[in-house]
Amino acid sequence: CGMNCPFCATGQAGLTRNLSTAEIVEQVVAAARTLRH
């Protein structure tokens, strides 16, 4: 993350890159498969 809030571990690590639309959606699909299993 590039917003750098000092109490947030994600922000303190800095920004590596943006995700694509499909990379965001695939997280939900992967979770739904976890539920199905």
PDB file of all heavy atoms in Angstrom:
ATOM      1  N   CYS A   1       0.849  -1.186   0.000  1.00  0.00           N
ATOM      2  CA  CYS A   1       0.000   0.000   0.000  1.00  0.00           C
ATOM      3  C   CYS A   1       0.888   1.240   0.000  1.00  0.00           C
ATOM      4  O   CYS A   1       1.932   1.256   0.666  1.00  0.00           O
ATOM      5  CB  CYS A   1      -0.921   0.007   1.217  1.00  0.00           C
ATOM      6  SG  CYS A   1      -2.058   1.424   1.271  1.00  0.00           S
ATOM      7  N   GLY A   2       0.454   2.264  -0.721  1.00  0.00           N
ATOM      8  CA  GLY A   2       1.240   3.487  -0.796  1.00  0.00           C
ATOM      9  C   GLY A   2       0.768   4.589   0.122  1.00  0.00           C
ATOM     10  O   GLY A   2       1.301   5.702   0.071  1.00  0.00           O
ATOM     11  N   MET A   3      -0.215   4.312   0.991  1.00  0.00           N
ATOM     12  CA  MET A   3      -0.788   5.366   1.825  1.00  0.00           C
ATOM     13  C   MET A   3      -0.033   5.564   3.139  1.00  0.00           C
ATOM     14  O   MET A   3      -0.217   6.555   3.829  1.00  0.00           O
ATOM     15  CB  MET A   3      -2.266   5.093   2.085  1.00  0.00           C
ATOM     16  CG  MET A   3      -3.119   5.092   0.817  1.00  0.00           C
ATOM     17  SD  MET A   3      -3.153   6.668  -0.084  1.00  0.00           S
ATOM     18  CE  MET A   3      -1.954   6.359  -1.421  1.00  0.00           C
ATOM     19  N   ASN A   4       0.802   4.589   3.540  1.00  0.00           N
ATOM     20  CA  ASN A   4       1.825   4.791   4.573  1.00  0.00           C
ATOM     21  C   ASN A   4       1.278   5.177   5.943  1.00  0.00           C
ATOM     22  O   ASN A   4       1.916   5.950   6.673  1.00  0.00           O
ATOM     23  CB  ASN A   4       2.824   5.847   4.090  1.00  0.00           C
ATOM     24  CG  ASN A   4       4.170   5.761   4.790  1.00  0.00           C
ATOM     25  OD1 ASN A   4       4.444   4.796   5.504  1.00  0.00           O
ATOM     26  ND2 ASN A   4       4.998   6.767   4.597  1.00  0.00           N
ATOM     27  N   CYS A   5       0.112   4.665   6.324  1.00  0.00           N
ATOM     28  CA  CYS A   5      -0.387   4.921   7.683  1.00  0.00           C
ATOM     29  C   CYS A   5       0.529   4.206   8.680  1.00  0.00           C
ATOM     30  O   CYS A   5       0.767   2.998   8.546  1.00  0.00           O
ATOM     31  CB  CYS A   5      -1.824   4.430   7.823  1.00  0.00           C
ATOM     32  SG  CYS A   5      -2.979   5.271   6.714  1.00  0.00           S
ATOM     33  N   PRO A   6       1.057   4.906   9.684  1.00  0.00           N
ATOM     34  CA  PRO A   6       2.110   4.339  10.527  1.00  0.00           C
ATOM     35  C   PRO A   6       1.670   3.216  11.450  1.00  0.00           C
ATOM     36  O   PRO A   6       2.522   2.488  11.969  1.00  0.00           O
ATOM     37  CB  PRO A   6       2.604   5.554  11.328  1.00  0.00           C
ATOM     38  CG  PRO A   6       1.442   6.498  11.337  1.00  0.00           C
ATOM     39  CD  PRO A   6       0.769   6.314  10.011  1.00  0.00           C
ATOM     40  N   PHE A   7       0.364   3.040  11.675  1.00  0.00           N
ATOM     41  CA  PHE A   7      -0.106   1.964  12.558  1.00  0.00           C
ATOM     42  C   PHE A   7      -0.516   0.725  11.770  1.00  0.00           C
ATOM     43  O   PHE A   7      -1.012  -0.236  12.348  1.00  0.00           O
ATOM     44  CB  PHE A   7      -1.292   2.447  13.405  1.00  0.00           C
ATOM     45  CG  PHE A   7      -2.438   2.986  12.594  1.00  0.00           C
ATOM     46  CD1 PHE A   7      -3.437   2.144  12.139  1.00  0.00           C
ATOM     47  CD2 PHE A   7      -2.514   4.332  12.289  1.00  0.00           C
ATOM     48  CE1 PHE A   7      -4.481   2.633  11.386  1.00  0.00           C
ATOM     49  CE2 PHE A   7      -3.565   4.837  11.533  1.00  0.00           C
ATOM     50  CZ  PHE A   7      -4.550   3.987  11.084  1.00  0.00           C
ATOM     51  N   CYS A   8      -0.304   0.730  10.439  1.00  0.00           N
ATOM     52  CA  CYS A   8      -0.751  -0.355   9.574  1.00  0.00           C
ATOM     53  C   CYS A   8       0.448  -1.080   8.978  1.00  0.00           C
ATOM     54  O   CYS A   8       1.315  -0.460   8.344  1.00  0.00           O
ATOM     55  CB  CYS A   8      -1.630   0.214   8.457  1.00  0.00           C
ATOM     56  SG  CYS A   8      -2.108  -0.996   7.207  1.00  0.00           S
ATOM     57  N   ALA A   9       0.508  -2.391   9.170  1.00  0.00           N
ATOM     58  CA  ALA A   9       1.644  -3.168   8.666  1.00  0.00           C
ATOM     59  C   ALA A   9       1.720  -3.121   7.149  1.00  0.00           C
ATOM     60  O   ALA A   9       2.809  -3.070   6.573  1.00  0.00           O
ATOM     61  CB  ALA A   9       1.531  -4.621   9.142  1.00  0.00           C
ATOM     62  N   THR A  10       0.580  -3.121   6.483  1.00  0.00           N
ATOM     63  CA  THR A  10       0.571  -3.071   5.023  1.00  0.00           C
ATOM     64  C   THR A  10       1.174  -1.764   4.528  1.00  0.00           C
ATOM     65  O   THR A  10       2.017  -1.733   3.628  1.00  0.00           O
ATOM     66  CB  THR A  10      -0.854  -3.223   4.465  1.00  0.00           C
ATOM     67  OG1 THR A  10      -1.504  -4.319   5.109  1.00  0.00           O
ATOM     68  CG2 THR A  10      -0.825  -3.458   2.975  1.00  0.00           C
ATOM     69  N   GLY A  11       0.722  -0.653   5.102  1.00  0.00           N
ATOM     70  CA  GLY A  11       1.216   0.650   4.683  1.00  0.00           C
ATOM     71  C   GLY A  11       2.696   0.833   4.952  1.00  0.00           C
ATOM     72  O   GLY A  11       3.408   1.484   4.181  1.00  0.00           O
ATOM     73  N   GLN A  12       3.168   0.265   6.047  1.00  0.00           N
ATOM     74  CA  GLN A  12       4.581   0.413   6.384  1.00  0.00           C
ATOM     75  C   GLN A  12       5.489  -0.373   5.451  1.00  0.00           C
ATOM     76  O   GLN A  12       6.672  -0.091   5.336  1.00  0.00           O
ATOM     77  CB  GLN A  12       4.807  -0.018   7.831  1.00  0.00           C
ATOM     78  CG  GLN A  12       4.230   0.948   8.858  1.00  0.00           C
ATOM     79  CD  GLN A  12       4.787   2.344   8.707  1.00  0.00           C
ATOM     80  OE1 GLN A  12       5.931   2.600   9.052  1.00  0.00           O
ATOM     81  NE2 GLN A  12       3.989   3.254   8.152  1.00  0.00           N
ATOM     82  N   ALA A  13       4.943  -1.364   4.770  1.00  0.00           N
ATOM     83  CA  ALA A  13       5.741  -2.167   3.845  1.00  0.00           C
ATOM     84  C   ALA A  13       5.916  -1.483   2.495  1.00  0.00           C
ATOM     85  O   ALA A  13       6.767  -1.881   1.699  1.00  0.00           O
ATOM     86  CB  ALA A  13       5.089  -3.533   3.648  1.00  0.00           C
ATOM     87  N   GLY A  14       5.117  -0.437   2.213  1.00  0.00           N
ATOM     88  CA  GLY A  14       5.204   0.243   0.932  1.00  0.00           C
ATOM     89  C   GLY A  14       4.392  -0.463  -0.145  1.00  0.00           C
ATOM     90  O   GLY A  14       3.814  -1.525   0.070  1.00  0.00           O
ATOM     91  N   LEU A  15       4.364   0.141  -1.320  1.00  0.00           N
ATOM     92  CA  LEU A  15       3.572  -0.376  -2.436  1.00  0.00           C
ATOM     93  C   LEU A  15       4.454  -1.157  -3.402  1.00  0.00           C
ATOM     94  O   LEU A  15       5.450  -0.639  -3.904  1.00  0.00           O
ATOM     95  CB  LEU A  15       2.894   0.784  -3.179  1.00  0.00           C
ATOM     96  CG  LEU A  15       2.080   0.425  -4.419  1.00  0.00           C
ATOM     97  CD1 LEU A  15       0.931  -0.508  -4.065  1.00  0.00           C
ATOM     98  CD2 LEU A  15       1.559   1.692  -5.091  1.00  0.00           C
ATOM     99  N   THR A  16       4.078  -2.414  -3.636  1.00  0.00           N
ATOM    100  CA  THR A  16       4.790  -3.240  -4.610  1.00  0.00           C
ATOM    101  C   THR A  16       4.206  -3.042  -6.003  1.00  0.00           C
ATOM    102  O   THR A  16       4.914  -2.708  -6.944  1.00  0.00           O
ATOM    103  CB  THR A  16       4.727  -4.721  -4.218  1.00  0.00           C
ATOM    104  OG1 THR A  16       5.344  -4.889  -2.934  1.00  0.00           O
ATOM    105  CG2 THR A  16       5.452  -5.581  -5.240  1.00  0.00           C
ATOM    106  N   ARG A  17       2.889  -3.238  -6.140  1.00  0.00           N
ATOM    107  CA  ARG A  17       2.224  -2.964  -7.425  1.00  0.00           C
ATOM    108  C   ARG A  17       0.719  -3.045  -7.274  1.00  0.00           C
ATOM    109  O   ARG A  17       0.194  -3.553  -6.277  1.00  0.00           O
ATOM    110  CB  ARG A  17       2.692  -3.931  -8.508  1.00  0.00           C
ATOM    111  CG  ARG A  17       2.190  -5.362  -8.400  1.00  0.00           C
ATOM    112  CD  ARG A  17       2.450  -6.068  -9.722  1.00  0.00           C
ATOM    113  NE  ARG A  17       2.176  -7.490  -9.708  1.00  0.00           N
ATOM    114  CZ  ARG A  17       0.983  -8.028  -9.981  1.00  0.00           C
ATOM    115  NH1 ARG A  17      -0.062  -7.253 -10.211  1.00  0.00           N
ATOM    116  NH2 ARG A  17       0.848  -9.347  -9.988  1.00  0.00           N
ATOM    117  N   ASN A  18       0.024  -2.534  -8.280  1.00  0.00           N
ATOM    118  CA  ASN A  18      -1.427  -2.684  -8.362  1.00  0.00           C
ATOM    119  C   ASN A  18      -1.782  -4.101  -8.799  1.00  0.00           C
ATOM    120  O   ASN A  18      -1.029  -4.745  -9.530  1.00  0.00           O
ATOM    121  CB  ASN A  18      -2.004  -1.705  -9.384  1.00  0.00           C
ATOM    122  CG  ASN A  18      -1.996  -0.274  -8.896  1.00  0.00           C
ATOM    123  OD1 ASN A  18      -2.118  -0.009  -7.700  1.00  0.00           O
ATOM    124  ND2 ASN A  18      -1.856   0.667  -9.829  1.00  0.00           N
ATOM    125  N   LEU A  19      -2.942  -4.565  -8.369  1.00  0.00           N
ATOM    126  CA  LEU A  19      -3.478  -5.823  -8.864  1.00  0.00           C
ATOM    127  C   LEU A  19      -4.359  -5.559 -10.079  1.00  0.00           C
ATOM    128  O   LEU A  19      -4.928  -4.475 -10.222  1.00  0.00           O
ATOM    129  CB  LEU A  19      -4.297  -6.538  -7.788  1.00  0.00           C
ATOM    130  CG  LEU A  19      -3.598  -6.902  -6.486  1.00  0.00           C
ATOM    131  CD1 LEU A  19      -4.493  -7.811  -5.656  1.00  0.00           C
ATOM    132  CD2 LEU A  19      -2.259  -7.549  -6.723  1.00  0.00           C
ATOM    133  N   SER A  20      -4.469  -6.542 -10.932  1.00  0.00           N
ATOM    134  CA  SER A  20      -5.397  -6.457 -12.055  1.00  0.00           C
ATOM    135  C   SER A  20      -6.802  -6.750 -11.561  1.00  0.00           C
ATOM    136  O   SER A  20      -7.005  -7.279 -10.455  1.00  0.00           O
ATOM    137  CB  SER A  20      -5.004  -7.452 -13.142  1.00  0.00           C
ATOM    138  OG  SER A  20      -5.213  -8.792 -12.692  1.00  0.00           O
ATOM    139  N   THR A  21      -7.787  -6.410 -12.386  1.00  0.00           N
ATOM    140  CA  THR A  21      -9.168  -6.738 -12.044  1.00  0.00           C
ATOM    141  C   THR A  21      -9.322  -8.223 -11.745  1.00  0.00           C
ATOM    142  O   THR A  21      -9.924  -8.614 -10.740  1.00  0.00           O
ATOM    143  CB  THR A  21     -10.104  -6.336 -13.198  1.00  0.00           C
ATOM    144  OG1 THR A  21     -10.215  -4.907 -13.227  1.00  0.00           O
ATOM    145  CG2 THR A  21     -11.495  -6.932 -13.024  1.00  0.00           C
ATOM    146  N   ALA A  22      -8.773  -9.056 -12.617  1.00  0.00           N
ATOM    147  CA  ALA A  22      -8.939 -10.500 -12.446  1.00  0.00           C
ATOM    148  C   ALA A  22      -8.220 -11.003 -11.198  1.00  0.00           C
ATOM    149  O   ALA A  22      -8.704 -11.941 -10.538  1.00  0.00           O
ATOM    150  CB  ALA A  22      -8.436 -11.239 -13.678  1.00  0.00           C
ATOM    151  N   GLU A  23      -7.085 -10.421 -10.850  1.00  0.00           N
ATOM    152  CA  GLU A  23      -6.388 -10.845  -9.628  1.00  0.00           C
ATOM    153  C   GLU A  23      -7.229 -10.530  -8.390  1.00  0.00           C
ATOM    154  O   GLU A  23      -7.188 -11.273  -7.407  1.00  0.00           O
ATOM    155  CB  GLU A  23      -5.025 -10.162  -9.533  1.00  0.00           C
ATOM    156  CG  GLU A  23      -3.997 -10.719 -10.496  1.00  0.00           C
ATOM    157  CD  GLU A  23      -2.705  -9.938 -10.492  1.00  0.00           C
ATOM    158  OE1 GLU A  23      -2.748  -8.688 -10.342  1.00  0.00           O
ATOM    159  OE2 GLU A  23      -1.623 -10.548 -10.663  1.00  0.00           O
ATOM    160  N   ILE A  24      -7.982  -9.444  -8.435  1.00  0.00           N
ATOM    161  CA  ILE A  24      -8.873  -9.113  -7.319  1.00  0.00           C
ATOM    162  C   ILE A  24     -10.042 -10.096  -7.280  1.00  0.00           C
ATOM    163  O   ILE A  24     -10.370 -10.660  -6.230  1.00  0.00           O
ATOM    164  CB  ILE A  24      -9.378  -7.662  -7.454  1.00  0.00           C
ATOM    165  CG1 ILE A  24      -8.207  -6.676  -7.406  1.00  0.00           C
ATOM    166  CG2 ILE A  24     -10.370  -7.346  -6.344  1.00  0.00           C
ATOM    167  CD1 ILE A  24      -8.585  -5.243  -7.743  1.00  0.00           C
ATOM    168  N   VAL A  25     -10.660 -10.320  -8.434  1.00  0.00           N
ATOM    169  CA  VAL A  25     -11.815 -11.224  -8.504  1.00  0.00           C
ATOM    170  C   VAL A  25     -11.425 -12.644  -8.117  1.00  0.00           C
ATOM    171  O   VAL A  25     -12.178 -13.340  -7.416  1.00  0.00           O
ATOM    172  CB  VAL A  25     -12.420 -11.202  -9.922  1.00  0.00           C
ATOM    173  CG1 VAL A  25     -13.513 -12.264 -10.064  1.00  0.00           C
ATOM    174  CG2 VAL A  25     -12.980  -9.827 -10.245  1.00  0.00           C
ATOM    175  N   GLU A  26     -10.268 -13.074  -8.547  1.00  0.00           N
ATOM    176  CA  GLU A  26      -9.849 -14.456  -8.302  1.00  0.00           C
ATOM    177  C   GLU A  26      -9.734 -14.751  -6.811  1.00  0.00           C
ATOM    178  O   GLU A  26      -9.911 -15.898  -6.382  1.00  0.00           O
ATOM    179  CB  GLU A  26      -8.529 -14.732  -9.018  1.00  0.00           C
ATOM    180  CG  GLU A  26      -7.947 -16.128  -8.820  1.00  0.00           C
ATOM    181  CD  GLU A  26      -8.788 -17.247  -9.424  1.00  0.00           C
ATOM    182  OE1 GLU A  26      -9.771 -16.965 -10.133  1.00  0.00           O
ATOM    183  OE2 GLU A  26      -8.448 -18.417  -9.180  1.00  0.00           O
ATOM    184  N   GLN A  27      -9.462 -13.745  -5.981  1.00  0.00           N
ATOM    185  CA  GLN A  27      -9.436 -13.967  -4.531  1.00  0.00           C
ATOM    186  C   GLN A  27     -10.801 -14.425  -4.037  1.00  0.00           C
ATOM    187  O   GLN A  27     -10.901 -15.322  -3.194  1.00  0.00           O
ATOM    188  CB  GLN A  27      -9.033 -12.675  -3.816  1.00  0.00           C
ATOM    189  CG  GLN A  27      -7.615 -12.212  -4.092  1.00  0.00           C
ATOM    190  CD  GLN A  27      -7.354 -10.828  -3.512  1.00  0.00           C
ATOM    191  OE1 GLN A  27      -7.401 -10.628  -2.310  1.00  0.00           O
ATOM    192  NE2 GLN A  27      -7.094  -9.874  -4.385  1.00  0.00           N
ATOM    193  N   VAL A  28     -11.858 -13.815  -4.562  1.00  0.00           N
ATOM    194  CA  VAL A  28     -13.215 -14.181  -4.152  1.00  0.00           C
ATOM    195  C   VAL A  28     -13.568 -15.563  -4.684  1.00  0.00           C
ATOM    196  O   VAL A  28     -14.160 -16.386  -3.973  1.00  0.00           O
ATOM    197  CB  VAL A  28     -14.232 -13.130  -4.635  1.00  0.00           C
ATOM    198  CG1 VAL A  28     -15.638 -13.496  -4.162  1.00  0.00           C
ATOM    199  CG2 VAL A  28     -13.858 -11.747  -4.130  1.00  0.00           C
ATOM    200  N   VAL A  29     -13.220 -15.831  -5.932  1.00  0.00           N
ATOM    201  CA  VAL A  29     -13.497 -17.143  -6.511  1.00  0.00           C
ATOM    202  C   VAL A  29     -12.750 -18.234  -5.749  1.00  0.00           C
ATOM    203  O   VAL A  29     -13.307 -19.302  -5.457  1.00  0.00           O
ATOM    204  CB  VAL A  29     -13.138 -17.155  -8.007  1.00  0.00           C
ATOM    205  CG1 VAL A  29     -13.268 -18.557  -8.586  1.00  0.00           C
ATOM    206  CG2 VAL A  29     -14.037 -16.187  -8.775  1.00  0.00           C
ATOM    207  N   ALA A  30     -11.473 -17.974  -5.407  1.00  0.00           N
ATOM    208  CA  ALA A  30     -10.699 -18.953  -4.636  1.00  0.00           C
ATOM    209  C   ALA A  30     -11.349 -19.214  -3.284  1.00  0.00           C
ATOM    210  O   ALA A  30     -11.400 -20.364  -2.813  1.00  0.00           O
ATOM    211  CB  ALA A  30      -9.265 -18.465  -4.457  1.00  0.00           C
ATOM    212  N   ALA A  31     -11.861 -18.166  -2.656  1.00  0.00           N
ATOM    213  CA  ALA A  31     -12.528 -18.335  -1.361  1.00  0.00           C
ATOM    214  C   ALA A  31     -13.812 -19.136  -1.514  1.00  0.00           C
ATOM    215  O   ALA A  31     -14.135 -19.990  -0.680  1.00  0.00           O
ATOM    216  CB  ALA A  31     -12.827 -16.976  -0.754  1.00  0.00           C
ATOM    217  N   ALA A  32     -14.567 -18.871  -2.585  1.00  0.00           N
ATOM    218  CA  ALA A  32     -15.800 -19.616  -2.813  1.00  0.00           C
ATOM    219  C   ALA A  32     -15.513 -21.097  -3.030  1.00  0.00           C
ATOM    220  O   ALA A  32     -16.278 -21.964  -2.598  1.00  0.00           O
ATOM    221  CB  ALA A  32     -16.541 -19.036  -4.016  1.00  0.00           C
ATOM    222  N   ARG A  33     -14.395 -21.397  -3.677  1.00  0.00           N
ATOM    223  CA  ARG A  33     -14.009 -22.803  -3.833  1.00  0.00           C
ATOM    224  C   ARG A  33     -13.678 -23.417  -2.476  1.00  0.00           C
ATOM    225  O   ARG A  33     -13.994 -24.578  -2.212  1.00  0.00           O
ATOM    226  CB  ARG A  33     -12.802 -22.905  -4.760  1.00  0.00           C
ATOM    227  CG  ARG A  33     -13.111 -22.554  -6.215  1.00  0.00           C
ATOM    228  CD  ARG A  33     -11.849 -22.549  -7.046  1.00  0.00           C
ATOM    229  NE  ARG A  33     -12.111 -22.165  -8.431  1.00  0.00           N
ATOM    230  CZ  ARG A  33     -11.307 -21.410  -9.156  1.00  0.00           C
ATOM    231  NH1 ARG A  33     -10.170 -20.955  -8.639  1.00  0.00           N
ATOM    232  NH2 ARG A  33     -11.616 -21.107 -10.405  1.00  0.00           N
ATOM    233  N   THR A  34     -13.055 -22.621  -1.601  1.00  0.00           N
ATOM    234  CA  THR A  34     -12.768 -23.097  -0.247  1.00  0.00           C
ATOM    235  C   THR A  34     -14.064 -23.456   0.477  1.00  0.00           C
ATOM    236  O   THR A  34     -14.152 -24.481   1.161  1.00  0.00           O
ATOM    237  CB  THR A  34     -12.004 -22.015   0.543  1.00  0.00           C
ATOM    238  OG1 THR A  34     -10.726 -21.807  -0.062  1.00  0.00           O
ATOM    239  CG2 THR A  34     -11.807 -22.419   1.997  1.00  0.00           C
ATOM    240  N   LEU A  35     -15.069 -22.628   0.315  1.00  0.00           N
ATOM    241  CA  LEU A  35     -16.368 -22.916   0.932  1.00  0.00           C
ATOM    242  C   LEU A  35     -16.964 -24.196   0.366  1.00  0.00           C
ATOM    243  O   LEU A  35     -17.498 -25.030   1.102  1.00  0.00           O
ATOM    244  CB  LEU A  35     -17.329 -21.751   0.700  1.00  0.00           C
ATOM    245  CG  LEU A  35     -16.963 -20.390   1.290  1.00  0.00           C
ATOM    246  CD1 LEU A  35     -18.063 -19.386   1.007  1.00  0.00           C
ATOM    247  CD2 LEU A  35     -16.718 -20.488   2.787  1.00  0.00           C
ATOM    248  N   ARG A  36     -16.895 -24.337  -0.937  1.00  0.00           N
ATOM    249  CA  ARG A  36     -17.480 -25.508  -1.576  1.00  0.00           C
ATOM    250  C   ARG A  36     -16.813 -26.793  -1.097  1.00  0.00           C
ATOM    251  O   ARG A  36     -17.445 -27.838  -0.963  1.00  0.00           O
ATOM    252  CB  ARG A  36     -17.370 -25.396  -3.094  1.00  0.00           C
ATOM    253  CG  ARG A  36     -18.057 -26.538  -3.820  1.00  0.00           C
ATOM    254  CD  ARG A  36     -18.075 -26.314  -5.322  1.00  0.00           C
ATOM    255  NE  ARG A  36     -16.725 -26.249  -5.868  1.00  0.00           N
ATOM    256  CZ  ARG A  36     -16.464 -26.007  -7.157  1.00  0.00           C
ATOM    257  NH1 ARG A  36     -17.454 -25.767  -7.992  1.00  0.00           N
ATOM    258  NH2 ARG A  36     -15.228 -25.974  -7.587  1.00  0.00           N
ATOM    259  N   HIS A  37     -15.519 -26.694  -0.819  1.00  0.00           N
ATOM    260  CA  HIS A  37     -14.785 -27.879  -0.353  1.00  0.00           C
ATOM    261  C   HIS A  37     -15.006 -28.148   1.132  1.00  0.00           C
ATOM    262  O   HIS A  37     -14.481 -29.123   1.669  1.00  0.00           O
ATOM    263  CB  HIS A  37     -13.298 -27.704  -0.623  1.00  0.00           C
ATOM    264  CG  HIS A  37     -12.965 -27.626  -2.089  1.00  0.00           C
ATOM    265  ND1 HIS A  37     -11.836 -26.977  -2.563  1.00  0.00           N
ATOM    266  CD2 HIS A  37     -13.619 -28.098  -3.168  1.00  0.00           C
ATOM    267  CE1 HIS A  37     -11.822 -27.072  -3.880  1.00  0.00           C
ATOM    268  NE2 HIS A  37     -12.888 -27.742  -4.267  1.00  0.00           N
TER     269      HIS A  37
END
